[in-house]
Amino acid sequence: SNPDYNHPGIEIYHSLKEALTAVDSNDDCFIIGGGRVYRDAMPLADRLLLTHIEAPSPAGTDTYFPALESDRWQLTDRSDSEVDPRSNTRYYFATYSRLLNNLL
């Protein structure tokens, strides 16, 4: 969001549209956040690879992944829950596919 940000060796795009234009259409594209980018990219996604953290949100958390609408997304794969040894927090990985009748 900072139009003046620059860093050697990094390609910087200041909008989702600009970034997606730079991606080869034959390649997978991964969106890794934050909240506004997730919201903007959701209508364009056909698959979601999510990590579900099985713990309450920390105090002061104000950014969340958008809620998944059950009429638009289907759970297609889910790992077993695991426990992070450092934080003792349970998590699992899930893959969701957009239901074909809900493509935008």
PDB file of N, CA and C in Angstrom:
ATOM      1  N   SER A   1       0.812  -1.211   0.000  1.00  0.00           N
ATOM      2  CA  SER A   1       0.000   0.000   0.000  1.00  0.00           C
ATOM      3  C   SER A   1       0.849   1.266   0.000  1.00  0.00           C
ATOM      4  N   ASN A   2       2.132   1.117   0.242  1.00  0.00           N
ATOM      5  CA  ASN A   2       3.023   2.277   0.220  1.00  0.00           C
ATOM      6  C   ASN A   2       3.600   2.407  -1.192  1.00  0.00           C
ATOM      7  N   PRO A   3       3.166   3.406  -1.974  1.00  0.00           N
ATOM      8  CA  PRO A   3       3.627   3.523  -3.359  1.00  0.00           C
ATOM      9  C   PRO A   3       5.121   3.836  -3.480  1.00  0.00           C
ATOM     10  N   ASP A   4       5.750   4.269  -2.409  1.00  0.00           N
ATOM     11  CA  ASP A   4       7.172   4.600  -2.442  1.00  0.00           C
ATOM     12  C   ASP A   4       8.068   3.447  -2.003  1.00  0.00           C
ATOM     13  N   TYR A   5       7.472   2.331  -1.561  1.00  0.00           N
ATOM     14  CA  TYR A   5       8.271   1.205  -1.069  1.00  0.00           C
ATOM     15  C   TYR A   5       9.069   0.591  -2.215  1.00  0.00           C
ATOM     16  N   ASN A   6      10.314   0.273  -1.943  1.00  0.00           N
ATOM     17  CA  ASN A   6      11.195  -0.348  -2.910  1.00  0.00           C
ATOM     18  C   ASN A   6      12.193  -1.193  -2.148  1.00  0.00           C
ATOM     19  N   HIS A   7      12.616  -2.294  -2.749  1.00  0.00           N
ATOM     20  CA  HIS A   7      13.630  -3.131  -2.114  1.00  0.00           C
ATOM     21  C   HIS A   7      14.408  -3.828  -3.216  1.00  0.00           C
ATOM     22  N   PRO A   8      15.732  -3.793  -3.160  1.00  0.00           N
ATOM     23  CA  PRO A   8      16.553  -4.423  -4.211  1.00  0.00           C
ATOM     24  C   PRO A   8      16.219  -5.923  -4.347  1.00  0.00           C
ATOM     25  N   GLY A   9      16.082  -6.360  -5.596  1.00  0.00           N
ATOM     26  CA  GLY A   9      15.859  -7.773  -5.869  1.00  0.00           C
ATOM     27  C   GLY A   9      14.424  -8.242  -5.732  1.00  0.00           C
ATOM     28  N   ILE A  10      13.491  -7.345  -5.445  1.00  0.00           N
ATOM     29  CA  ILE A  10      12.085  -7.712  -5.261  1.00  0.00           C
ATOM     30  C   ILE A  10      11.240  -6.956  -6.273  1.00  0.00           C
ATOM     31  N   GLU A  11      10.366  -7.692  -6.946  1.00  0.00           N
ATOM     32  CA  GLU A  11       9.402  -7.047  -7.831  1.00  0.00           C
ATOM     33  C   GLU A  11       8.221  -6.613  -6.983  1.00  0.00           C
ATOM     34  N   ILE A  12       7.855  -5.361  -7.073  1.00  0.00           N
ATOM     35  CA  ILE A  12       6.783  -4.815  -6.243  1.00  0.00           C
ATOM     36  C   ILE A  12       5.639  -4.364  -7.134  1.00  0.00           C
ATOM     37  N   TYR A  13       4.440  -4.768  -6.760  1.00  0.00           N
ATOM     38  CA  TYR A  13       3.223  -4.376  -7.470  1.00  0.00           C
ATOM     39  C   TYR A  13       2.308  -3.712  -6.464  1.00  0.00           C
ATOM     40  N   HIS A  14       1.675  -2.644  -6.866  1.00  0.00           N
ATOM     41  CA  HIS A  14       0.890  -1.853  -5.926  1.00  0.00           C
ATOM     42  C   HIS A  14      -0.602  -2.103  -6.015  1.00  0.00           C
ATOM     43  N   SER A  15      -0.988  -3.129  -6.759  1.00  0.00           N
ATOM     44  CA  SER A  15      -2.385  -3.539  -6.773  1.00  0.00           C
ATOM     45  C   SER A  15      -2.443  -5.020  -7.112  1.00  0.00           C
ATOM     46  N   LEU A  16      -3.514  -5.663  -6.731  1.00  0.00           N
ATOM     47  CA  LEU A  16      -3.701  -7.067  -7.060  1.00  0.00           C
ATOM     48  C   LEU A  16      -3.753  -7.250  -8.575  1.00  0.00           C
ATOM     49  N   LYS A  17      -4.464  -6.367  -9.246  1.00  0.00           N
ATOM     50  CA  LYS A  17      -4.576  -6.451 -10.708  1.00  0.00           C
ATOM     51  C   LYS A  17      -3.199  -6.371 -11.362  1.00  0.00           C
ATOM     52  N   GLU A  18      -2.396  -5.435 -10.904  1.00  0.00           N
ATOM     53  CA  GLU A  18      -1.050  -5.266 -11.452  1.00  0.00           C
ATOM     54  C   GLU A  18      -0.205  -6.521 -11.223  1.00  0.00           C
ATOM     55  N   ALA A  19      -0.295  -7.110 -10.043  1.00  0.00           N
ATOM     56  CA  ALA A  19       0.475  -8.315  -9.727  1.00  0.00           C
ATOM     57  C   ALA A  19       0.015  -9.499 -10.563  1.00  0.00           C
ATOM     58  N   LEU A  20      -1.292  -9.669 -10.700  1.00  0.00           N
ATOM     59  CA  LEU A  20      -1.814 -10.803 -11.468  1.00  0.00           C
ATOM     60  C   LEU A  20      -1.496 -10.681 -12.951  1.00  0.00           C
ATOM     61  N   THR A  21      -1.393  -9.476 -13.450  1.00  0.00           N
ATOM     62  CA  THR A  21      -1.024  -9.264 -14.845  1.00  0.00           C
ATOM     63  C   THR A  21       0.401  -9.756 -15.101  1.00  0.00           C
ATOM     64  N   ALA A  22       1.251  -9.713 -14.092  1.00  0.00           N
ATOM     65  CA  ALA A  22       2.646 -10.117 -14.228  1.00  0.00           C
ATOM     66  C   ALA A  22       2.838 -11.632 -14.116  1.00  0.00           C
ATOM     67  N   VAL A  23       1.810 -12.361 -13.713  1.00  0.00           N
ATOM     68  CA  VAL A  23       1.915 -13.811 -13.529  1.00  0.00           C
ATOM     69  C   VAL A  23       1.609 -14.518 -14.838  1.00  0.00           C
ATOM     70  N   ASP A  24       2.421 -15.517 -15.164  1.00  0.00           N
ATOM     71  CA  ASP A  24       2.150 -16.343 -16.346  1.00  0.00           C
ATOM     72  C   ASP A  24       0.854 -17.099 -16.107  1.00  0.00           C
ATOM     73  N   SER A  25      -0.067 -17.033 -17.046  1.00  0.00           N
ATOM     74  CA  SER A  25      -1.385 -17.649 -16.864  1.00  0.00           C
ATOM     75  C   SER A  25      -1.326 -19.167 -16.745  1.00  0.00           C
ATOM     76  N   ASN A  26      -0.191 -19.778 -17.082  1.00  0.00           N
ATOM     77  CA  ASN A  26      -0.036 -21.226 -16.942  1.00  0.00           C
ATOM     78  C   ASN A  26       0.480 -21.626 -15.566  1.00  0.00           C
ATOM     79  N   ASP A  27       0.860 -20.674 -14.753  1.00  0.00           N
ATOM     80  CA  ASP A  27       1.414 -20.945 -13.433  1.00  0.00           C
ATOM     81  C   ASP A  27       0.355 -20.802 -12.346  1.00  0.00           C
ATOM     82  N   ASP A  28       0.535 -21.558 -11.265  1.00  0.00           N
ATOM     83  CA  ASP A  28      -0.295 -21.338 -10.085  1.00  0.00           C
ATOM     84  C   ASP A  28       0.141 -20.028  -9.447  1.00  0.00           C
ATOM     85  N   CYS A  29      -0.805 -19.326  -8.896  1.00  0.00           N
ATOM     86  CA  CYS A  29      -0.528 -18.065  -8.213  1.00  0.00           C
ATOM     87  C   CYS A  29      -1.019 -18.203  -6.782  1.00  0.00           C
ATOM     88  N   PHE A  30      -0.190 -17.875  -5.810  1.00  0.00           N
ATOM     89  CA  PHE A  30      -0.552 -17.991  -4.405  1.00  0.00           C
ATOM     90  C   PHE A  30      -0.674 -16.605  -3.798  1.00  0.00           C
ATOM     91  N   ILE A  31      -1.762 -16.373  -3.101  1.00  0.00           N
ATOM     92  CA  ILE A  31      -1.995 -15.115  -2.393  1.00  0.00           C
ATOM     93  C   ILE A  31      -1.714 -15.389  -0.921  1.00  0.00           C
ATOM     94  N   ILE A  32      -0.804 -14.628  -0.321  1.00  0.00           N
ATOM     95  CA  ILE A  32      -0.423 -14.917   1.057  1.00  0.00           C
ATOM     96  C   ILE A  32      -0.748 -13.773   2.014  1.00  0.00           C
ATOM     97  N   GLY A  33      -1.710 -12.949   1.640  1.00  0.00           N
ATOM     98  CA  GLY A  33      -2.242 -11.971   2.581  1.00  0.00           C
ATOM     99  C   GLY A  33      -1.689 -10.595   2.381  1.00  0.00           C
ATOM    100  N   GLY A  34      -2.226  -9.786   3.139  1.00  0.00           N
ATOM    101  CA  GLY A  34      -3.079  -9.742   4.305  1.00  0.00           C
ATOM    102  C   GLY A  34      -4.572  -9.694   3.987  1.00  0.00           C
ATOM    103  N   GLY A  35      -5.310  -9.241   4.989  1.00  0.00           N
ATOM    104  CA  GLY A  35      -6.759  -9.297   4.965  1.00  0.00           C
ATOM    105  C   GLY A  35      -7.399  -8.662   3.745  1.00  0.00           C
ATOM    106  N   ARG A  36      -6.977  -7.469   3.392  1.00  0.00           N
ATOM    107  CA  ARG A  36      -7.569  -6.794   2.232  1.00  0.00           C
ATOM    108  C   ARG A  36      -7.249  -7.549   0.943  1.00  0.00           C
ATOM    109  N   VAL A  37      -6.035  -8.054   0.828  1.00  0.00           N
ATOM    110  CA  VAL A  37      -5.646  -8.803  -0.365  1.00  0.00           C
ATOM    111  C   VAL A  37      -6.475 -10.082  -0.459  1.00  0.00           C
ATOM    112  N   TYR A  38      -6.686 -10.764   0.654  1.00  0.00           N
ATOM    113  CA  TYR A  38      -7.539 -11.956   0.646  1.00  0.00           C
ATOM    114  C   TYR A  38      -8.942 -11.616   0.149  1.00  0.00           C
ATOM    115  N   ARG A  39      -9.541 -10.579   0.687  1.00  0.00           N
ATOM    116  CA  ARG A  39     -10.898 -10.192   0.276  1.00  0.00           C
ATOM    117  C   ARG A  39     -10.959  -9.868  -1.214  1.00  0.00           C
ATOM    118  N   ASP A  40      -9.956  -9.141  -1.699  1.00  0.00           N
ATOM    119  CA  ASP A  40      -9.945  -8.761  -3.111  1.00  0.00           C
ATOM    120  C   ASP A  40      -9.732  -9.965  -4.023  1.00  0.00           C
ATOM    121  N   ALA A  41      -8.971 -10.950  -3.572  1.00  0.00           N
ATOM    122  CA  ALA A  41      -8.631 -12.102  -4.408  1.00  0.00           C
ATOM    123  C   ALA A  41      -9.668 -13.222  -4.357  1.00  0.00           C
ATOM    124  N   MET A  42     -10.493 -13.274  -3.330  1.00  0.00           N
ATOM    125  CA  MET A  42     -11.456 -14.378  -3.187  1.00  0.00           C
ATOM    126  C   MET A  42     -12.325 -14.594  -4.420  1.00  0.00           C
ATOM    127  N   PRO A  43     -12.873 -13.556  -5.047  1.00  0.00           N
ATOM    128  CA  PRO A  43     -13.716 -13.800  -6.224  1.00  0.00           C
ATOM    129  C   PRO A  43     -12.945 -14.397  -7.403  1.00  0.00           C
ATOM    130  N   LEU A  44     -11.625 -14.307  -7.395  1.00  0.00           N
ATOM    131  CA  LEU A  44     -10.805 -14.806  -8.495  1.00  0.00           C
ATOM    132  C   LEU A  44     -10.288 -16.222  -8.260  1.00  0.00           C
ATOM    133  N   ALA A  45     -10.374 -16.692  -7.040  1.00  0.00           N
ATOM    134  CA  ALA A  45      -9.782 -17.986  -6.675  1.00  0.00           C
ATOM    135  C   ALA A  45     -10.684 -19.146  -7.071  1.00  0.00           C
ATOM    136  N   ASP A  46     -10.049 -20.236  -7.479  1.00  0.00           N
ATOM    137  CA  ASP A  46     -10.810 -21.455  -7.723  1.00  0.00           C
ATOM    138  C   ASP A  46     -10.436 -22.549  -6.734  1.00  0.00           C
ATOM    139  N   ARG A  47      -9.365 -22.302  -5.946  1.00  0.00           N
ATOM    140  CA  ARG A  47      -8.937 -23.265  -4.947  1.00  0.00           C
ATOM    141  C   ARG A  47      -8.309 -22.509  -3.780  1.00  0.00           C
ATOM    142  N   LEU A  48      -8.548 -22.986  -2.581  1.00  0.00           N
ATOM    143  CA  LEU A  48      -7.977 -22.381  -1.378  1.00  0.00           C
ATOM    144  C   LEU A  48      -7.181 -23.436  -0.630  1.00  0.00           C
ATOM    145  N   LEU A  49      -5.962 -23.107  -0.268  1.00  0.00           N
ATOM    146  CA  LEU A  49      -5.122 -23.965   0.557  1.00  0.00           C
ATOM    147  C   LEU A  49      -4.953 -23.236   1.877  1.00  0.00           C
ATOM    148  N   LEU A  50      -5.645 -23.705   2.901  1.00  0.00           N
ATOM    149  CA  LEU A  50      -5.693 -22.972   4.165  1.00  0.00           C
ATOM    150  C   LEU A  50      -5.101 -23.776   5.314  1.00  0.00           C
ATOM    151  N   THR A  51      -4.506 -23.067   6.247  1.00  0.00           N
ATOM    152  CA  THR A  51      -4.100 -23.651   7.513  1.00  0.00           C
ATOM    153  C   THR A  51      -5.106 -23.189   8.552  1.00  0.00           C
ATOM    154  N   HIS A  52      -5.774 -24.128   9.193  1.00  0.00           N
ATOM    155  CA  HIS A  52      -6.735 -23.807  10.251  1.00  0.00           C
ATOM    156  C   HIS A  52      -6.034 -23.940  11.597  1.00  0.00           C
ATOM    157  N   ILE A  53      -6.045 -22.879  12.358  1.00  0.00           N
ATOM    158  CA  ILE A  53      -5.456 -22.866  13.689  1.00  0.00           C
ATOM    159  C   ILE A  53      -6.575 -23.117  14.679  1.00  0.00           C
ATOM    160  N   GLU A  54      -6.445 -24.153  15.490  1.00  0.00           N
ATOM    161  CA  GLU A  54      -7.497 -24.520  16.429  1.00  0.00           C
ATOM    162  C   GLU A  54      -7.225 -23.878  17.792  1.00  0.00           C
ATOM    163  N   ALA A  55      -7.358 -22.558  17.821  1.00  0.00           N
ATOM    164  CA  ALA A  55      -7.107 -21.795  19.039  1.00  0.00           C
ATOM    165  C   ALA A  55      -7.867 -20.490  18.941  1.00  0.00           C
ATOM    166  N   PRO A  56      -8.206 -19.907  20.074  1.00  0.00           N
ATOM    167  CA  PRO A  56      -8.861 -18.598  20.022  1.00  0.00           C
ATOM    168  C   PRO A  56      -7.917 -17.555  19.424  1.00  0.00           C
ATOM    169  N   SER A  57      -8.490 -16.567  18.767  1.00  0.00           N
ATOM    170  CA  SER A  57      -7.677 -15.479  18.218  1.00  0.00           C
ATOM    171  C   SER A  57      -7.047 -14.696  19.350  1.00  0.00           C
ATOM    172  N   PRO A  58      -5.786 -14.322  19.186  1.00  0.00           N
ATOM    173  CA  PRO A  58      -5.131 -13.521  20.224  1.00  0.00           C
ATOM    174  C   PRO A  58      -5.827 -12.172  20.398  1.00  0.00           C
ATOM    175  N   ALA A  59      -5.760 -11.643  21.585  1.00  0.00           N
ATOM    176  CA  ALA A  59      -6.327 -10.317  21.856  1.00  0.00           C
ATOM    177  C   ALA A  59      -5.681  -9.304  20.927  1.00  0.00           C
ATOM    178  N   GLY A  60      -6.487  -8.407  20.416  1.00  0.00           N
ATOM    179  CA  GLY A  60      -5.973  -7.361  19.548  1.00  0.00           C
ATOM    180  C   GLY A  60      -5.922  -7.754  18.082  1.00  0.00           C
ATOM    181  N   THR A  61      -6.304  -9.000  17.754  1.00  0.00           N
ATOM    182  CA  THR A  61      -6.302  -9.423  16.354  1.00  0.00           C
ATOM    183  C   THR A  61      -7.429  -8.728  15.622  1.00  0.00           C
ATOM    184  N   ASP A  62      -7.094  -8.060  14.528  1.00  0.00           N
ATOM    185  CA  ASP A  62      -8.134  -7.343  13.783  1.00  0.00           C
ATOM    186  C   ASP A  62      -8.187  -7.735  12.310  1.00  0.00           C
ATOM    187  N   THR A  63      -7.354  -8.702  11.907  1.00  0.00           N
ATOM    188  CA  THR A  63      -7.341  -9.140  10.524  1.00  0.00           C
ATOM    189  C   THR A  63      -7.631 -10.630  10.476  1.00  0.00           C
ATOM    190  N   TYR A  64      -8.608 -10.998   9.654  1.00  0.00           N
ATOM    191  CA  TYR A  64      -9.024 -12.390   9.549  1.00  0.00           C
ATOM    192  C   TYR A  64      -9.178 -12.757   8.088  1.00  0.00           C
ATOM    193  N   PHE A  65      -9.047 -14.047   7.796  1.00  0.00           N
ATOM    194  CA  PHE A  65      -9.357 -14.544   6.472  1.00  0.00           C
ATOM    195  C   PHE A  65     -10.868 -14.466   6.308  1.00  0.00           C
ATOM    196  N   PRO A  66     -11.373 -14.116   5.125  1.00  0.00           N
ATOM    197  CA  PRO A  66     -12.833 -14.012   4.957  1.00  0.00           C
ATOM    198  C   PRO A  66     -13.531 -15.338   5.244  1.00  0.00           C
ATOM    199  N   ALA A  67     -14.743 -15.250   5.765  1.00  0.00           N
ATOM    200  CA  ALA A  67     -15.536 -16.453   6.034  1.00  0.00           C
ATOM    201  C   ALA A  67     -15.839 -17.157   4.714  1.00  0.00           C
ATOM    202  N   LEU A  68     -15.793 -18.478   4.745  1.00  0.00           N
ATOM    203  CA  LEU A  68     -16.100 -19.255   3.539  1.00  0.00           C
ATOM    204  C   LEU A  68     -17.596 -19.518   3.475  1.00  0.00           C
ATOM    205  N   GLU A  69     -18.184 -19.224   2.340  1.00  0.00           N
ATOM    206  CA  GLU A  69     -19.606 -19.469   2.137  1.00  0.00           C
ATOM    207  C   GLU A  69     -19.784 -20.911   1.684  1.00  0.00           C
ATOM    208  N   SER A  70     -20.564 -21.691   2.440  1.00  0.00           N
ATOM    209  CA  SER A  70     -20.697 -23.124   2.164  1.00  0.00           C
ATOM    210  C   SER A  70     -21.352 -23.411   0.816  1.00  0.00           C
ATOM    211  N   ASP A  71     -22.081 -22.446   0.257  1.00  0.00           N
ATOM    212  CA  ASP A  71     -22.679 -22.667  -1.059  1.00  0.00           C
ATOM    213  C   ASP A  71     -21.708 -22.336  -2.195  1.00  0.00           C
ATOM    214  N   ARG A  72     -20.503 -21.863  -1.863  1.00  0.00           N
ATOM    215  CA  ARG A  72     -19.505 -21.516  -2.886  1.00  0.00           C
ATOM    216  C   ARG A  72     -18.269 -22.409  -2.832  1.00  0.00           C
ATOM    217  N   TRP A  73     -17.992 -23.011  -1.668  1.00  0.00           N
ATOM    218  CA  TRP A  73     -16.749 -23.756  -1.483  1.00  0.00           C
ATOM    219  C   TRP A  73     -17.033 -25.146  -0.929  1.00  0.00           C
ATOM    220  N   GLN A  74     -16.251 -26.120  -1.405  1.00  0.00           N
ATOM    221  CA  GLN A  74     -16.378 -27.488  -0.916  1.00  0.00           C
ATOM    222  C   GLN A  74     -15.021 -27.941  -0.394  1.00  0.00           C
ATOM    223  N   LEU A  75     -15.009 -28.506   0.796  1.00  0.00           N
ATOM    224  CA  LEU A  75     -13.793 -29.080   1.362  1.00  0.00           C
ATOM    225  C   LEU A  75     -13.433 -30.312   0.542  1.00  0.00           C
ATOM    226  N   THR A  76     -12.236 -30.343  -0.044  1.00  0.00           N
ATOM    227  CA  THR A  76     -11.840 -31.471  -0.887  1.00  0.00           C
ATOM    228  C   THR A  76     -10.688 -32.279  -0.305  1.00  0.00           C
ATOM    229  N   ASP A  77     -10.002 -31.738   0.697  1.00  0.00           N
ATOM    230  CA  ASP A  77      -8.918 -32.474   1.351  1.00  0.00           C
ATOM    231  C   ASP A  77      -8.658 -31.847   2.706  1.00  0.00           C
ATOM    232  N   ARG A  78      -8.300 -32.689   3.666  1.00  0.00           N
ATOM    233  CA  ARG A  78      -8.012 -32.202   5.017  1.00  0.00           C
ATOM    234  C   ARG A  78      -6.982 -33.114   5.649  1.00  0.00           C
ATOM    235  N   SER A  79      -5.954 -32.530   6.223  1.00  0.00           N
ATOM    236  CA  SER A  79      -4.942 -33.316   6.921  1.00  0.00           C
ATOM    237  C   SER A  79      -5.447 -33.660   8.322  1.00  0.00           C
ATOM    238  N   ASP A  80      -4.754 -34.566   8.954  1.00  0.00           N
ATOM    239  CA  ASP A  80      -5.018 -34.821  10.366  1.00  0.00           C
ATOM    240  C   ASP A  80      -4.543 -33.605  11.158  1.00  0.00           C
ATOM    241  N   SER A  81      -5.158 -33.384  12.308  1.00  0.00           N
ATOM    242  CA  SER A  81      -4.691 -32.300  13.173  1.00  0.00           C
ATOM    243  C   SER A  81      -3.326 -32.660  13.740  1.00  0.00           C
ATOM    244  N   GLU A  82      -2.492 -31.645  13.851  1.00  0.00           N
ATOM    245  CA  GLU A  82      -1.178 -31.815  14.455  1.00  0.00           C
ATOM    246  C   GLU A  82      -1.016 -30.763  15.536  1.00  0.00           C
ATOM    247  N   VAL A  83      -0.006 -30.933  16.364  1.00  0.00           N
ATOM    248  CA  VAL A  83       0.268 -29.966  17.423  1.00  0.00           C
ATOM    249  C   VAL A  83       1.649 -29.379  17.196  1.00  0.00           C
ATOM    250  N   ASP A  84       1.704 -28.042  17.149  1.00  0.00           N
ATOM    251  CA  ASP A  84       2.986 -27.368  17.041  1.00  0.00           C
ATOM    252  C   ASP A  84       3.725 -27.557  18.364  1.00  0.00           C
ATOM    253  N   PRO A  85       4.933 -28.120  18.347  1.00  0.00           N
ATOM    254  CA  PRO A  85       5.629 -28.408  19.611  1.00  0.00           C
ATOM    255  C   PRO A  85       6.060 -27.161  20.389  1.00  0.00           C
ATOM    256  N   ARG A  86       6.240 -26.045  19.697  1.00  0.00           N
ATOM    257  CA  ARG A  86       6.676 -24.829  20.405  1.00  0.00           C
ATOM    258  C   ARG A  86       5.530 -24.123  21.103  1.00  0.00           C
ATOM    259  N   SER A  87       4.367 -24.051  20.437  1.00  0.00           N
ATOM    260  CA  SER A  87       3.251 -23.291  21.007  1.00  0.00           C
ATOM    261  C   SER A  87       2.165 -24.182  21.600  1.00  0.00           C
ATOM    262  N   ASN A  88       2.256 -25.489  21.333  1.00  0.00           N
ATOM    263  CA  ASN A  88       1.245 -26.449  21.781  1.00  0.00           C
ATOM    264  C   ASN A  88      -0.124 -26.148  21.157  1.00  0.00           C
ATOM    265  N   THR A  89      -0.120 -25.521  19.990  1.00  0.00           N
ATOM    266  CA  THR A  89      -1.351 -25.157  19.290  1.00  0.00           C
ATOM    267  C   THR A  89      -1.664 -26.203  18.230  1.00  0.00           C
ATOM    268  N   ARG A  90      -2.924 -26.620  18.176  1.00  0.00           N
ATOM    269  CA  ARG A  90      -3.367 -27.588  17.170  1.00  0.00           C
ATOM    270  C   ARG A  90      -3.679 -26.856  15.867  1.00  0.00           C
ATOM    271  N   TYR A  91      -3.403 -27.533  14.758  1.00  0.00           N
ATOM    272  CA  TYR A  91      -3.690 -26.959  13.444  1.00  0.00           C
ATOM    273  C   TYR A  91      -3.902 -28.101  12.453  1.00  0.00           C
ATOM    274  N   TYR A  92      -4.506 -27.768  11.320  1.00  0.00           N
ATOM    275  CA  TYR A  92      -4.603 -28.721  10.215  1.00  0.00           C
ATOM    276  C   TYR A  92      -4.650 -27.945   8.904  1.00  0.00           C
ATOM    277  N   PHE A  93      -4.337 -28.650   7.828  1.00  0.00           N
ATOM    278  CA  PHE A  93      -4.353 -28.070   6.494  1.00  0.00           C
ATOM    279  C   PHE A  93      -5.608 -28.528   5.774  1.00  0.00           C
ATOM    280  N   ALA A  94      -6.218 -27.629   5.014  1.00  0.00           N
ATOM    281  CA  ALA A  94      -7.436 -27.962   4.286  1.00  0.00           C
ATOM    282  C   ALA A  94      -7.382 -27.352   2.892  1.00  0.00           C
ATOM    283  N   THR A  95      -7.943 -28.087   1.945  1.00  0.00           N
ATOM    284  CA  THR A  95      -8.072 -27.603   0.575  1.00  0.00           C
ATOM    285  C   THR A  95      -9.549 -27.487   0.261  1.00  0.00           C
ATOM    286  N   TYR A  96      -9.931 -26.349  -0.290  1.00  0.00           N
ATOM    287  CA  TYR A  96     -11.312 -26.099  -0.696  1.00  0.00           C
ATOM    288  C   TYR A  96     -11.318 -25.807  -2.187  1.00  0.00           C
ATOM    289  N   SER A  97     -12.329 -26.297  -2.877  1.00  0.00           N
ATOM    290  CA  SER A  97     -12.506 -26.008  -4.295  1.00  0.00           C
ATOM    291  C   SER A  97     -13.794 -25.231  -4.488  1.00  0.00           C
ATOM    292  N   ARG A  98     -13.728 -24.257  -5.384  1.00  0.00           N
ATOM    293  CA  ARG A  98     -14.932 -23.476  -5.675  1.00  0.00           C
ATOM    294  C   ARG A  98     -15.935 -24.390  -6.382  1.00  0.00           C
ATOM    295  N   LEU A  99     -17.176 -24.335  -5.964  1.00  0.00           N
ATOM    296  CA  LEU A  99     -18.230 -25.091  -6.631  1.00  0.00           C
ATOM    297  C   LEU A  99     -18.448 -24.483  -8.005  1.00  0.00           C
ATOM    298  N   LEU A 100     -18.488 -25.305  -9.027  1.00  0.00           N
ATOM    299  CA  LEU A 100     -18.524 -24.827 -10.407  1.00  0.00           C
ATOM    300  C   LEU A 100     -19.711 -23.929 -10.717  1.00  0.00           C
ATOM    301  N   ASN A 101     -20.828 -24.186 -10.078  1.00  0.00           N
ATOM    302  CA  ASN A 101     -22.008 -23.349 -10.361  1.00  0.00           C
ATOM    303  C   ASN A 101     -21.909 -21.969  -9.708  1.00  0.00           C
ATOM    304  N   ASN A 102     -20.794 -21.672  -9.059  1.00  0.00           N
ATOM    305  CA  ASN A 102     -20.621 -20.375  -8.416  1.00  0.00           C
ATOM    306  C   ASN A 102     -19.423 -19.608  -8.948  1.00  0.00           C
ATOM    307  N   LEU A 103     -18.968 -19.936 -10.138  1.00  0.00           N
ATOM    308  CA  LEU A 103     -17.886 -19.154 -10.726  1.00  0.00           C
ATOM    309  C   LEU A 103     -18.395 -17.770 -11.070  1.00  0.00           C
ATOM    310  N   LEU A 104     -17.586 -16.780 -10.837  1.00  0.00           N
ATOM    311  CA  LEU A 104     -17.992 -15.390 -11.135  1.00  0.00           C
ATOM    312  C   LEU A 104     -17.707 -15.061 -12.573  1.00  0.00           C
TER     313      LEU A 104
END
